Amino acid sequence: MDEKKLIALLPEITSAVVDLISARDGVTEDEAIRSLYSSELYQDLENEETKVWQFSAETLYSLYRQEKRYGKIEYPEY
């Protein structure tokens, strides 16, 4: 996927993950946005080469929780 397509897709992906963070972690949407945007996961999402954008919102939420819990992310192998 080229960078322009990723830039167009990124808001949809992040919106779905923010919704999950807010609902499951009991935080406001603003808190969820700040937390996601300051994460390593989001940095990887912005980088097309990582291919993280291919994961479902559920998987991305799981990776987000993993990063928050353990301070690192171990991406699944596909």
Protein backbone atom coordinates (compact mmCIF):
# COMPACT_ATOMS: atom_id res chain seq x y z
CA MET A 1 0.00 0.00 0.00
CA ASP A 2 1.36 3.43 -0.79
CA GLU A 3 1.65 6.21 1.79
CA LYS A 4 -1.37 8.16 0.46
CA LYS A 5 -3.66 5.18 0.90
CA LEU A 6 -2.33 4.56 4.40
CA ILE A 7 -2.90 8.20 5.35
CA ALA A 8 -6.49 7.86 4.15
CA LEU A 9 -7.03 4.59 6.03
CA LEU A 10 -5.31 5.55 9.30
CA PRO A 11 -8.20 7.61 10.78
CA GLU A 12 -10.61 4.70 10.33
CA ILE A 13 -8.21 2.26 11.98
CA THR A 14 -7.36 4.54 14.89
CA SER A 15 -11.02 5.42 15.46
CA ALA A 16 -11.91 1.75 15.90
CA VAL A 17 -9.01 1.18 18.31
CA VAL A 18 -9.81 4.35 20.29
CA ASP A 19 -13.41 3.12 20.66
CA LEU A 20 -12.15 -0.18 22.07
CA ILE A 21 -9.71 1.51 24.46
CA SER A 22 -12.40 3.87 25.71
CA ALA A 23 -15.02 1.16 26.20
CA ARG A 24 -12.84 -1.58 27.65
CA ASP A 25 -10.46 0.51 29.71
CA GLY A 26 -13.13 2.85 31.06
CA VAL A 27 -11.45 6.05 29.91
CA THR A 28 -12.77 9.02 27.98
CA GLU A 29 -12.34 9.18 24.25
CA ASP A 30 -9.84 12.03 24.67
CA GLU A 31 -7.77 9.97 27.10
CA ALA A 32 -7.88 7.00 24.74
CA ILE A 33 -6.73 9.17 21.83
CA ARG A 34 -3.83 10.64 23.81
CA SER A 35 -2.76 7.24 25.05
CA LEU A 36 -2.90 5.60 21.62
CA TYR A 37 -1.16 8.49 19.85
CA SER A 38 1.70 8.43 22.37
CA SER A 39 2.25 4.68 21.99
CA GLU A 40 4.84 2.71 20.08
CA LEU A 41 1.93 0.91 18.42
CA TYR A 42 0.72 4.15 16.84
CA GLN A 43 4.22 4.96 15.60
CA ASP A 44 4.28 1.55 13.95
CA LEU A 45 0.79 2.11 12.51
CA GLU A 46 2.01 5.30 10.83
CA ASN A 47 4.91 3.44 9.26
CA GLU A 48 3.63 1.64 6.17
CA GLU A 49 6.65 -0.67 6.10
CA THR A 50 5.64 -2.36 9.38
CA LYS A 51 2.34 -3.54 7.84
CA VAL A 52 0.68 -3.13 11.27
CA TRP A 53 -2.26 -1.44 9.55
CA GLN A 54 -3.32 -4.88 8.28
CA PHE A 55 -4.32 -6.11 11.75
CA SER A 56 -7.92 -5.97 12.93
CA ALA A 57 -9.00 -3.42 15.53
CA GLU A 58 -9.27 -6.28 18.06
CA THR A 59 -5.70 -7.37 17.40
CA LEU A 60 -4.45 -3.79 17.55
CA TYR A 61 -6.23 -3.29 20.88
CA SER A 62 -4.62 -6.47 22.20
CA LEU A 63 -1.20 -5.21 21.08
CA TYR A 64 -1.92 -1.84 22.69
CA ARG A 65 -2.75 -3.55 26.01
CA GLN A 66 0.39 -5.67 25.69
CA GLU A 67 2.49 -2.53 25.25
CA LYS A 68 0.85 -0.84 28.25
CA ARG A 69 1.19 -3.93 30.42
CA TYR A 70 4.72 -5.06 29.49
CA GLY A 71 6.30 -2.00 27.88
CA LYS A 72 6.89 -3.75 24.59
CA ILE A 73 5.03 -5.30 21.70
CA GLU A 74 5.54 -8.73 20.21
CA TYR A 75 3.78 -8.76 16.86
CA PRO A 76 2.13 -11.98 15.72
CA GLU A 77 3.69 -13.76 12.80
CA TYR A 78 1.53 -14.32 9.75
